[in-house]
Amino acid sequence: MRRMEEYLAIAEQGGTESEVTTLVRDRMTPAKPFVPIEAPSFFTRVFRRMSFWHVKRQSRLSLYDLSPEQLVDIGLSRAEADQESRKALLSSWTRSL
């Protein structure tokens, strides 16, 4: 709370943006040097994409199993839920495995 009061006091006195930023950065969190990170490999990107697709497909398939009351709770009609479920059923051959 004290830091916020100091920040507001400097801002009210007409302190420049850099003074206010320096005050907050110096006392709250030290500046960290920029460390470049390596780009993910091709296989990592493919795995992440497939994982995302799988999660999205599972949530679309779960809409099919919801009761009408549950659909009303989340603000969907049965037609909208069926439409989303059909998007996941295009590749439903794995569901039987």
C-alpha atoms as a PDB file:
ATOM      1  CA  MET A   1       0.000   0.000   0.000  1.00  0.00           C
ATOM      2  CA  ARG A   2       2.906   2.332   0.791  1.00  0.00           C
ATOM      3  CA  ARG A   3       4.361   1.867  -2.678  1.00  0.00           C
ATOM      4  CA  MET A   4       1.065   2.798  -4.277  1.00  0.00           C
ATOM      5  CA  GLU A   5       0.930   5.972  -2.178  1.00  0.00           C
ATOM      6  CA  GLU A   6       4.483   6.872  -3.265  1.00  0.00           C
ATOM      7  CA  TYR A   7       3.582   6.205  -6.874  1.00  0.00           C
ATOM      8  CA  LEU A   8       0.493   8.412  -6.659  1.00  0.00           C
ATOM      9  CA  ALA A   9       2.419  11.177  -4.861  1.00  0.00           C
ATOM     10  CA  ILE A  10       5.034  11.345  -7.635  1.00  0.00           C
ATOM     11  CA  ALA A  11       2.351  11.205 -10.299  1.00  0.00           C
ATOM     12  CA  GLU A  12       0.431  14.080  -8.651  1.00  0.00           C
ATOM     13  CA  GLN A  13       3.606  16.193  -8.366  1.00  0.00           C
ATOM     14  CA  GLY A  14       3.899  16.082 -12.120  1.00  0.00           C
ATOM     15  CA  GLY A  15       6.670  13.542 -12.279  1.00  0.00           C
ATOM     16  CA  THR A  16       7.547  12.344 -15.727  1.00  0.00           C
ATOM     17  CA  GLU A  17       6.549   8.910 -16.947  1.00  0.00           C
ATOM     18  CA  SER A  18      10.124   7.651 -16.662  1.00  0.00           C
ATOM     19  CA  GLU A  19      10.424   8.774 -13.020  1.00  0.00           C
ATOM     20  CA  VAL A  20       7.209   7.005 -12.091  1.00  0.00           C
ATOM     21  CA  THR A  21       8.176   3.880 -14.021  1.00  0.00           C
ATOM     22  CA  THR A  22      11.655   3.848 -12.489  1.00  0.00           C
ATOM     23  CA  LEU A  23      10.227   4.158  -8.984  1.00  0.00           C
ATOM     24  CA  VAL A  24       7.827   1.294  -9.465  1.00  0.00           C
ATOM     25  CA  ARG A  25      10.290  -0.957 -11.259  1.00  0.00           C
ATOM     26  CA  ASP A  26      13.191  -0.311  -8.867  1.00  0.00           C
ATOM     27  CA  ARG A  27      11.258  -0.974  -5.693  1.00  0.00           C
ATOM     28  CA  MET A  28       8.823  -3.661  -6.763  1.00  0.00           C
ATOM     29  CA  THR A  29      10.627  -5.960  -9.149  1.00  0.00           C
ATOM     30  CA  PRO A  30      14.162  -5.685 -10.440  1.00  0.00           C
ATOM     31  CA  ALA A  31      14.612  -5.461 -14.179  1.00  0.00           C
ATOM     32  CA  LYS A  32      15.671  -8.752 -15.731  1.00  0.00           C
ATOM     33  CA  PRO A  33      17.987  -8.974 -18.710  1.00  0.00           C
ATOM     34  CA  PHE A  34      16.457 -10.173 -21.955  1.00  0.00           C
ATOM     35  CA  VAL A  35      17.206 -13.826 -22.497  1.00  0.00           C
ATOM     36  CA  PRO A  36      16.316 -15.120 -25.945  1.00  0.00           C
ATOM     37  CA  ILE A  37      14.526 -18.429 -25.984  1.00  0.00           C
ATOM     38  CA  GLU A  38      14.834 -21.095 -28.600  1.00  0.00           C
ATOM     39  CA  ALA A  39      11.924 -21.598 -30.953  1.00  0.00           C
ATOM     40  CA  PRO A  40      10.128 -24.890 -30.400  1.00  0.00           C
ATOM     41  CA  SER A  41      11.082 -27.668 -32.779  1.00  0.00           C
ATOM     42  CA  PHE A  42       8.838 -28.873 -35.568  1.00  0.00           C
ATOM     43  CA  PHE A  43       7.786 -31.966 -33.623  1.00  0.00           C
ATOM     44  CA  THR A  44       6.995 -29.909 -30.541  1.00  0.00           C
ATOM     45  CA  ARG A  45       4.755 -27.629 -32.586  1.00  0.00           C
ATOM     46  CA  VAL A  46       3.015 -30.626 -34.189  1.00  0.00           C
ATOM     47  CA  PHE A  47       2.488 -32.277 -30.795  1.00  0.00           C
ATOM     48  CA  ARG A  48       1.057 -29.072 -29.306  1.00  0.00           C
ATOM     49  CA  ARG A  49      -1.279 -28.634 -32.265  1.00  0.00           C
ATOM     50  CA  MET A  50      -2.511 -32.218 -32.025  1.00  0.00           C
ATOM     51  CA  SER A  51      -3.013 -31.898 -28.273  1.00  0.00           C
ATOM     52  CA  PHE A  52      -5.035 -28.733 -28.764  1.00  0.00           C
ATOM     53  CA  TRP A  53      -7.114 -30.432 -31.477  1.00  0.00           C
ATOM     54  CA  HIS A  54      -7.756 -33.423 -29.207  1.00  0.00           C
ATOM     55  CA  VAL A  55      -8.943 -31.282 -26.297  1.00  0.00           C
ATOM     56  CA  LYS A  56     -11.209 -29.279 -28.585  1.00  0.00           C
ATOM     57  CA  ARG A  57     -12.640 -32.461 -30.113  1.00  0.00           C
ATOM     58  CA  GLN A  58     -13.332 -33.984 -26.694  1.00  0.00           C
ATOM     59  CA  SER A  59     -15.182 -30.873 -25.527  1.00  0.00           C
ATOM     60  CA  ARG A  60     -17.273 -30.842 -28.696  1.00  0.00           C
ATOM     61  CA  LEU A  61     -18.148 -34.503 -28.225  1.00  0.00           C
ATOM     62  CA  SER A  62     -19.123 -33.884 -24.610  1.00  0.00           C
ATOM     63  CA  LEU A  63     -21.744 -31.368 -25.802  1.00  0.00           C
ATOM     64  CA  TYR A  64     -23.567 -34.254 -27.453  1.00  0.00           C
ATOM     65  CA  ASP A  65     -24.002 -36.008 -24.086  1.00  0.00           C
ATOM     66  CA  LEU A  66     -25.453 -33.016 -22.201  1.00  0.00           C
ATOM     67  CA  SER A  67     -29.096 -32.946 -21.179  1.00  0.00           C
ATOM     68  CA  PRO A  68     -31.390 -30.083 -22.305  1.00  0.00           C
ATOM     69  CA  GLU A  69     -31.242 -28.552 -18.812  1.00  0.00           C
ATOM     70  CA  GLN A  70     -27.457 -28.530 -18.865  1.00  0.00           C
ATOM     71  CA  LEU A  71     -27.454 -26.934 -22.317  1.00  0.00           C
ATOM     72  CA  VAL A  72     -29.745 -24.174 -21.059  1.00  0.00           C
ATOM     73  CA  ASP A  73     -27.324 -23.598 -18.160  1.00  0.00           C
ATOM     74  CA  ILE A  74     -24.433 -22.925 -20.547  1.00  0.00           C
ATOM     75  CA  GLY A  75     -26.602 -20.914 -22.949  1.00  0.00           C
ATOM     76  CA  LEU A  76     -26.767 -23.291 -25.919  1.00  0.00           C
ATOM     77  CA  SER A  77     -29.675 -24.779 -27.786  1.00  0.00           C
ATOM     78  CA  ARG A  78     -29.790 -28.415 -28.855  1.00  0.00           C
ATOM     79  CA  ALA A  79     -29.323 -27.345 -32.502  1.00  0.00           C
ATOM     80  CA  GLU A  80     -26.141 -25.406 -31.645  1.00  0.00           C
ATOM     81  CA  ALA A  81     -24.804 -28.330 -29.610  1.00  0.00           C
ATOM     82  CA  ASP A  82     -25.539 -30.739 -32.465  1.00  0.00           C
ATOM     83  CA  GLN A  83     -23.804 -28.441 -34.919  1.00  0.00           C
ATOM     84  CA  GLU A  84     -20.668 -28.317 -32.752  1.00  0.00           C
ATOM     85  CA  SER A  85     -20.800 -32.076 -32.196  1.00  0.00           C
ATOM     86  CA  ARG A  86     -20.915 -32.694 -35.931  1.00  0.00           C
ATOM     87  CA  LYS A  87     -17.670 -30.752 -36.310  1.00  0.00           C
ATOM     88  CA  ALA A  88     -15.986 -33.295 -34.041  1.00  0.00           C
ATOM     89  CA  LEU A  89     -17.719 -36.282 -35.635  1.00  0.00           C
ATOM     90  CA  LEU A  90     -16.060 -35.620 -38.965  1.00  0.00           C
ATOM     91  CA  SER A  91     -13.112 -37.532 -37.610  1.00  0.00           C
ATOM     92  CA  SER A  92     -14.979 -39.806 -35.226  1.00  0.00           C
ATOM     93  CA  TRP A  93     -13.320 -43.029 -36.362  1.00  0.00           C
ATOM     94  CA  THR A  94     -11.059 -42.856 -33.305  1.00  0.00           C
ATOM     95  CA  ARG A  95     -14.015 -42.839 -30.913  1.00  0.00           C
ATOM     96  CA  SER A  96     -14.630 -46.542 -31.488  1.00  0.00           C
ATOM     97  CA  LEU A  97     -11.040 -47.472 -30.613  1.00  0.00           C
END
